[in-house]
Amino acid sequence: GGMGGAPGPMGGSPGPMGGGMGGAGMGGGDSSKEPTISMPMVLSLACTQMKMTVAEALTAATINGAHALDLGTRKGSVEVGKDADLGFFEVDDYREVAYWFGANHCAAVMMGGRFADMM
């Protein structure tokens, strides 16, 4: 299934988290005026400043962001037939991604089902 509701705990280290669509679902305005390259920071801000739960912030950043860009049939959730764009995070629980403000715990990225070079 996809991330239609609250995602379950990812558990273990590293844990997969589907998506890769950036903060398209959470901008609230013209995102070109407020650029960021840190999705964990965006998730943290969504939780602390917008009072979203981590599950809500992840849903906004993944499946809702994909649909906002009219890409929901290909991206934004982990489902058979989708592009397999994933982030793998070295955390014990998926909620930690939003907890560490400004920290990047991303261990690996998969795009189109292939691991990307993290440099």
N, C-alpha and C. Protein backbone atom coordinates (compact mmCIF):
# COMPACT_ATOMS: atom_id res chain seq x y z
N GLY A 1 0.80 -1.19 0.00
CA GLY A 1 0.00 0.00 0.00
C GLY A 1 0.84 1.25 0.00
N GLY A 2 0.21 2.36 -0.16
CA GLY A 2 0.90 3.63 -0.22
C GLY A 2 0.91 4.31 1.12
N MET A 3 1.17 5.60 1.10
CA MET A 3 1.23 6.37 2.33
C MET A 3 -0.04 7.18 2.51
N GLY A 4 -1.17 6.63 2.09
CA GLY A 4 -2.41 7.37 2.15
C GLY A 4 -2.77 7.83 3.54
N GLY A 5 -2.50 6.98 4.55
CA GLY A 5 -2.76 7.38 5.92
C GLY A 5 -1.45 7.61 6.64
N ALA A 6 -1.47 7.37 7.92
CA ALA A 6 -0.25 7.53 8.70
C ALA A 6 0.70 6.39 8.40
N PRO A 7 1.96 6.70 8.09
CA PRO A 7 2.90 5.63 7.82
C PRO A 7 3.23 4.89 9.09
N GLY A 8 3.50 3.60 8.98
CA GLY A 8 3.87 2.83 10.15
C GLY A 8 5.32 3.07 10.50
N PRO A 9 5.73 2.67 11.70
CA PRO A 9 7.14 2.84 12.09
C PRO A 9 8.03 2.08 11.12
N MET A 10 9.13 2.70 10.75
CA MET A 10 10.03 2.09 9.79
C MET A 10 10.98 1.12 10.48
N GLY A 11 11.30 1.40 11.74
CA GLY A 11 12.13 0.51 12.53
C GLY A 11 13.49 0.21 11.92
N GLY A 12 14.43 -0.15 12.75
CA GLY A 12 15.75 -0.54 12.28
C GLY A 12 16.56 0.61 11.75
N SER A 13 17.78 0.31 11.38
CA SER A 13 18.69 1.34 10.91
C SER A 13 19.48 0.79 9.76
N PRO A 14 19.47 1.33 8.57
CA PRO A 14 18.65 2.46 8.15
C PRO A 14 17.23 2.02 7.83
N GLY A 15 16.29 2.97 7.84
CA GLY A 15 14.91 2.67 7.53
C GLY A 15 14.48 3.37 6.25
N PRO A 16 13.74 2.69 5.39
CA PRO A 16 13.31 3.32 4.14
C PRO A 16 12.16 4.28 4.36
N MET A 17 12.14 5.30 3.55
CA MET A 17 11.02 6.24 3.57
C MET A 17 10.75 6.63 2.13
N GLY A 18 9.58 6.31 1.62
CA GLY A 18 9.27 6.59 0.22
C GLY A 18 9.08 8.06 -0.04
N GLY A 19 9.14 8.44 -1.27
CA GLY A 19 8.86 9.82 -1.63
C GLY A 19 9.92 10.42 -2.50
N GLY A 20 10.47 11.49 -2.07
CA GLY A 20 11.48 12.19 -2.83
C GLY A 20 10.92 13.38 -3.58
N MET A 21 9.73 13.83 -3.19
CA MET A 21 9.09 14.91 -3.93
C MET A 21 9.31 16.27 -3.31
N GLY A 22 10.20 16.38 -2.35
CA GLY A 22 10.46 17.68 -1.76
C GLY A 22 9.27 18.19 -0.96
N GLY A 23 9.24 19.47 -0.69
CA GLY A 23 8.20 20.06 0.14
C GLY A 23 7.04 20.62 -0.66
N ALA A 24 6.77 20.03 -1.81
CA ALA A 24 5.75 20.58 -2.70
C ALA A 24 4.38 20.68 -2.05
N GLY A 25 4.09 19.82 -1.08
CA GLY A 25 2.78 19.85 -0.46
C GLY A 25 2.69 20.79 0.72
N MET A 26 3.82 21.39 1.13
CA MET A 26 3.82 22.17 2.36
C MET A 26 4.19 23.63 2.17
N GLY A 27 4.43 24.10 1.00
CA GLY A 27 4.95 25.44 0.79
C GLY A 27 4.08 26.55 1.31
N GLY A 28 2.81 26.51 1.04
CA GLY A 28 1.91 27.54 1.51
C GLY A 28 2.05 28.84 0.73
N GLY A 29 2.86 28.86 -0.26
CA GLY A 29 3.08 30.06 -1.05
C GLY A 29 4.03 29.75 -2.19
N ASP A 30 4.64 30.78 -2.72
CA ASP A 30 5.57 30.62 -3.83
C ASP A 30 6.89 30.08 -3.29
N SER A 31 7.13 28.77 -3.45
CA SER A 31 8.31 28.14 -2.88
C SER A 31 9.60 28.64 -3.52
N SER A 32 9.53 29.25 -4.70
CA SER A 32 10.75 29.76 -5.33
C SER A 32 11.33 30.93 -4.55
N LYS A 33 10.55 31.53 -3.66
CA LYS A 33 11.03 32.64 -2.85
C LYS A 33 11.64 32.16 -1.54
N GLU A 34 11.45 30.89 -1.22
CA GLU A 34 11.93 30.33 0.04
C GLU A 34 12.61 29.00 -0.22
N PRO A 35 13.71 28.97 -0.98
CA PRO A 35 14.30 27.69 -1.33
C PRO A 35 15.04 27.03 -0.16
N THR A 36 15.05 25.72 -0.15
CA THR A 36 15.83 24.95 0.80
C THR A 36 16.19 23.62 0.15
N ILE A 37 17.32 23.08 0.54
CA ILE A 37 17.70 21.77 0.03
C ILE A 37 17.61 20.72 1.13
N SER A 38 17.09 21.10 2.30
CA SER A 38 17.03 20.18 3.43
C SER A 38 15.59 19.77 3.73
N MET A 39 15.19 18.62 3.22
CA MET A 39 13.85 18.13 3.53
C MET A 39 13.70 17.78 5.00
N PRO A 40 14.73 17.22 5.68
CA PRO A 40 14.56 17.00 7.12
C PRO A 40 14.26 18.31 7.87
N MET A 41 14.88 19.41 7.45
CA MET A 41 14.62 20.70 8.09
C MET A 41 13.18 21.14 7.80
N VAL A 42 12.72 20.94 6.58
CA VAL A 42 11.34 21.28 6.24
C VAL A 42 10.37 20.46 7.08
N LEU A 43 10.65 19.17 7.24
CA LEU A 43 9.79 18.31 8.06
C LEU A 43 9.79 18.77 9.51
N SER A 44 10.96 19.13 10.02
CA SER A 44 11.05 19.62 11.39
C SER A 44 10.24 20.89 11.58
N LEU A 45 10.36 21.83 10.63
CA LEU A 45 9.58 23.07 10.70
C LEU A 45 8.08 22.81 10.62
N ALA A 46 7.70 21.87 9.76
CA ALA A 46 6.28 21.53 9.64
C ALA A 46 5.73 21.02 10.97
N CYS A 47 6.53 20.23 11.67
CA CYS A 47 6.08 19.67 12.94
C CYS A 47 6.11 20.69 14.07
N THR A 48 7.17 21.48 14.15
CA THR A 48 7.30 22.40 15.28
C THR A 48 6.54 23.71 15.08
N GLN A 49 6.51 24.23 13.86
CA GLN A 49 5.89 25.52 13.62
C GLN A 49 4.46 25.43 13.10
N MET A 50 4.17 24.37 12.34
CA MET A 50 2.83 24.22 11.78
C MET A 50 2.01 23.21 12.58
N LYS A 51 2.62 22.65 13.63
CA LYS A 51 1.96 21.71 14.55
C LYS A 51 1.45 20.45 13.85
N MET A 52 2.14 20.04 12.77
CA MET A 52 1.78 18.80 12.09
C MET A 52 2.43 17.64 12.81
N THR A 53 1.80 16.46 12.74
CA THR A 53 2.47 15.27 13.24
C THR A 53 3.51 14.88 12.20
N VAL A 54 4.44 14.02 12.57
CA VAL A 54 5.45 13.58 11.61
C VAL A 54 4.77 12.85 10.46
N ALA A 55 3.77 12.04 10.76
CA ALA A 55 3.04 11.32 9.70
C ALA A 55 2.39 12.31 8.73
N GLU A 56 1.80 13.38 9.25
CA GLU A 56 1.18 14.40 8.39
C GLU A 56 2.23 15.10 7.53
N ALA A 57 3.37 15.45 8.13
CA ALA A 57 4.43 16.13 7.40
C ALA A 57 5.00 15.23 6.30
N LEU A 58 5.20 13.95 6.60
CA LEU A 58 5.71 13.02 5.59
C LEU A 58 4.70 12.83 4.46
N THR A 59 3.44 12.76 4.79
CA THR A 59 2.40 12.63 3.77
C THR A 59 2.36 13.87 2.89
N ALA A 60 2.49 15.05 3.50
CA ALA A 60 2.51 16.30 2.73
C ALA A 60 3.72 16.36 1.81
N ALA A 61 4.86 15.87 2.30
CA ALA A 61 6.10 15.94 1.53
C ALA A 61 6.22 14.86 0.46
N THR A 62 5.45 13.81 0.57
CA THR A 62 5.58 12.69 -0.37
C THR A 62 4.36 12.59 -1.29
N ILE A 63 3.36 11.87 -0.89
CA ILE A 63 2.22 11.61 -1.78
C ILE A 63 1.44 12.87 -2.12
N ASN A 64 1.23 13.77 -1.14
CA ASN A 64 0.50 15.01 -1.44
C ASN A 64 1.32 15.92 -2.34
N GLY A 65 2.63 15.98 -2.10
CA GLY A 65 3.52 16.76 -2.96
C GLY A 65 3.53 16.24 -4.38
N ALA A 66 3.55 14.92 -4.51
CA ALA A 66 3.52 14.32 -5.85
C ALA A 66 2.23 14.67 -6.57
N HIS A 67 1.11 14.58 -5.88
CA HIS A 67 -0.18 14.92 -6.50
C HIS A 67 -0.25 16.41 -6.85
N ALA A 68 0.33 17.27 -5.99
CA ALA A 68 0.33 18.71 -6.28
C ALA A 68 1.07 19.00 -7.58
N LEU A 69 2.04 18.17 -7.92
CA LEU A 69 2.81 18.32 -9.16
C LEU A 69 2.27 17.44 -10.28
N ASP A 70 1.11 16.84 -10.06
CA ASP A 70 0.47 15.94 -11.03
C ASP A 70 1.35 14.73 -11.35
N LEU A 71 2.09 14.25 -10.35
CA LEU A 71 2.96 13.09 -10.51
C LEU A 71 2.56 11.94 -9.58
N GLY A 72 1.40 12.03 -8.97
CA GLY A 72 0.96 11.05 -7.99
C GLY A 72 0.81 9.63 -8.49
N THR A 73 0.65 9.45 -9.79
CA THR A 73 0.54 8.09 -10.32
C THR A 73 1.91 7.43 -10.46
N ARG A 74 3.00 8.23 -10.40
CA ARG A 74 4.35 7.70 -10.57
C ARG A 74 5.23 7.83 -9.34
N LYS A 75 4.94 8.82 -8.49
CA LYS A 75 5.84 9.13 -7.37
C LYS A 75 5.05 9.39 -6.10
N GLY A 76 5.77 9.47 -4.98
CA GLY A 76 5.16 9.90 -3.73
C GLY A 76 4.77 8.82 -2.76
N SER A 77 4.80 7.56 -3.17
CA SER A 77 4.49 6.45 -2.27
C SER A 77 5.18 5.20 -2.78
N VAL A 78 5.28 4.22 -1.93
CA VAL A 78 5.91 2.95 -2.29
C VAL A 78 4.80 1.99 -2.73
N GLU A 79 4.68 1.84 -4.04
CA GLU A 79 3.64 0.97 -4.61
C GLU A 79 4.18 0.31 -5.87
N VAL A 80 3.66 -0.86 -6.17
CA VAL A 80 4.03 -1.57 -7.40
C VAL A 80 3.72 -0.68 -8.59
N GLY A 81 4.68 -0.55 -9.50
CA GLY A 81 4.50 0.24 -10.71
C GLY A 81 4.96 1.68 -10.61
N LYS A 82 5.30 2.14 -9.39
CA LYS A 82 5.79 3.50 -9.24
C LYS A 82 7.31 3.52 -9.43
N ASP A 83 7.90 4.72 -9.49
CA ASP A 83 9.29 4.90 -9.87
C ASP A 83 10.34 4.42 -8.88
N ALA A 84 10.01 4.04 -7.69
CA ALA A 84 10.96 3.58 -6.67
C ALA A 84 12.00 4.65 -6.36
N ASP A 85 11.54 5.85 -6.05
CA ASP A 85 12.40 6.92 -5.56
C ASP A 85 12.28 6.88 -4.03
N LEU A 86 13.38 6.53 -3.36
CA LEU A 86 13.34 6.30 -1.92
C LEU A 86 14.51 6.97 -1.23
N GLY A 87 14.32 7.32 0.03
CA GLY A 87 15.40 7.77 0.88
C GLY A 87 15.54 6.79 2.03
N PHE A 88 16.77 6.46 2.40
CA PHE A 88 17.06 5.54 3.49
C PHE A 88 17.77 6.33 4.59
N PHE A 89 17.20 6.30 5.79
CA PHE A 89 17.69 7.13 6.88
C PHE A 89 18.21 6.30 8.04
N GLU A 90 19.35 6.70 8.61
CA GLU A 90 19.93 6.02 9.75
C GLU A 90 19.30 6.55 11.03
N VAL A 91 18.11 6.06 11.31
CA VAL A 91 17.38 6.41 12.52
C VAL A 91 16.69 5.16 13.04
N ASP A 92 16.37 5.16 14.32
CA ASP A 92 15.69 4.01 14.91
C ASP A 92 14.19 4.04 14.66
N ASP A 93 13.65 5.22 14.42
CA ASP A 93 12.21 5.40 14.23
C ASP A 93 12.02 6.50 13.20
N TYR A 94 11.07 6.35 12.30
CA TYR A 94 10.87 7.33 11.22
C TYR A 94 10.63 8.75 11.74
N ARG A 95 10.09 8.87 12.94
CA ARG A 95 9.81 10.20 13.50
C ARG A 95 11.07 10.99 13.82
N GLU A 96 12.21 10.30 13.94
CA GLU A 96 13.47 10.99 14.24
C GLU A 96 13.93 11.87 13.08
N VAL A 97 13.51 11.59 11.86
CA VAL A 97 13.93 12.39 10.71
C VAL A 97 13.52 13.85 10.91
N ALA A 98 12.34 14.07 11.46
CA ALA A 98 11.86 15.43 11.71
C ALA A 98 12.37 15.99 13.04
N TYR A 99 12.82 15.14 13.92
CA TYR A 99 13.26 15.58 15.25
C TYR A 99 14.58 16.32 15.20
N TRP A 100 15.52 15.85 14.41
CA TRP A 100 16.86 16.44 14.35
C TRP A 100 16.88 17.63 13.41
N PHE A 101 16.67 18.84 13.92
CA PHE A 101 16.59 20.05 13.10
C PHE A 101 17.91 20.32 12.41
N GLY A 102 17.88 20.39 11.09
CA GLY A 102 19.07 20.72 10.30
C GLY A 102 20.05 19.58 10.12
N ALA A 103 19.81 18.44 10.76
CA ALA A 103 20.71 17.29 10.63
C ALA A 103 20.27 16.43 9.46
N ASN A 104 21.23 15.84 8.80
CA ASN A 104 20.93 14.97 7.66
C ASN A 104 21.33 13.54 8.01
N HIS A 105 20.36 12.68 8.23
CA HIS A 105 20.61 11.28 8.56
C HIS A 105 20.38 10.38 7.35
N CYS A 106 20.35 10.97 6.18
CA CYS A 106 20.11 10.18 4.97
C CYS A 106 21.36 9.36 4.65
N ALA A 107 21.20 8.05 4.62
CA ALA A 107 22.32 7.14 4.37
C ALA A 107 22.42 6.76 2.90
N ALA A 108 21.28 6.74 2.21
CA ALA A 108 21.29 6.35 0.80
C ALA A 108 20.03 6.88 0.12
N VAL A 109 20.13 7.04 -1.19
CA VAL A 109 19.00 7.49 -2.01
C VAL A 109 18.86 6.55 -3.18
N MET A 110 17.64 6.20 -3.49
CA MET A 110 17.34 5.37 -4.65
C MET A 110 16.45 6.18 -5.58
N MET A 111 16.82 6.23 -6.84
CA MET A 111 16.03 6.93 -7.84
C MET A 111 15.74 5.97 -8.99
N GLY A 112 14.47 5.77 -9.27
CA GLY A 112 14.10 4.85 -10.33
C GLY A 112 14.56 3.43 -10.05
N GLY A 113 14.63 3.06 -8.78
CA GLY A 113 15.02 1.71 -8.41
C GLY A 113 16.51 1.46 -8.38
N ARG A 114 17.32 2.50 -8.58
CA ARG A 114 18.79 2.34 -8.55
C ARG A 114 19.38 3.29 -7.52
N PHE A 115 20.38 2.81 -6.80
CA PHE A 115 21.01 3.66 -5.80
C PHE A 115 21.77 4.80 -6.48
N ALA A 116 21.58 5.99 -5.95
CA ALA A 116 22.23 7.19 -6.48
C ALA A 116 23.54 7.44 -5.77
N ASP A 117 24.45 8.11 -6.44
CA ASP A 117 25.73 8.49 -5.85
C ASP A 117 25.49 9.63 -4.88
N MET A 118 25.88 9.44 -3.62
CA MET A 118 25.65 10.47 -2.59
C MET A 118 26.79 11.47 -2.50
N MET A 119 27.88 11.26 -3.15
CA MET A 119 29.09 12.10 -3.13
C MET A 119 29.55 12.29 -1.75
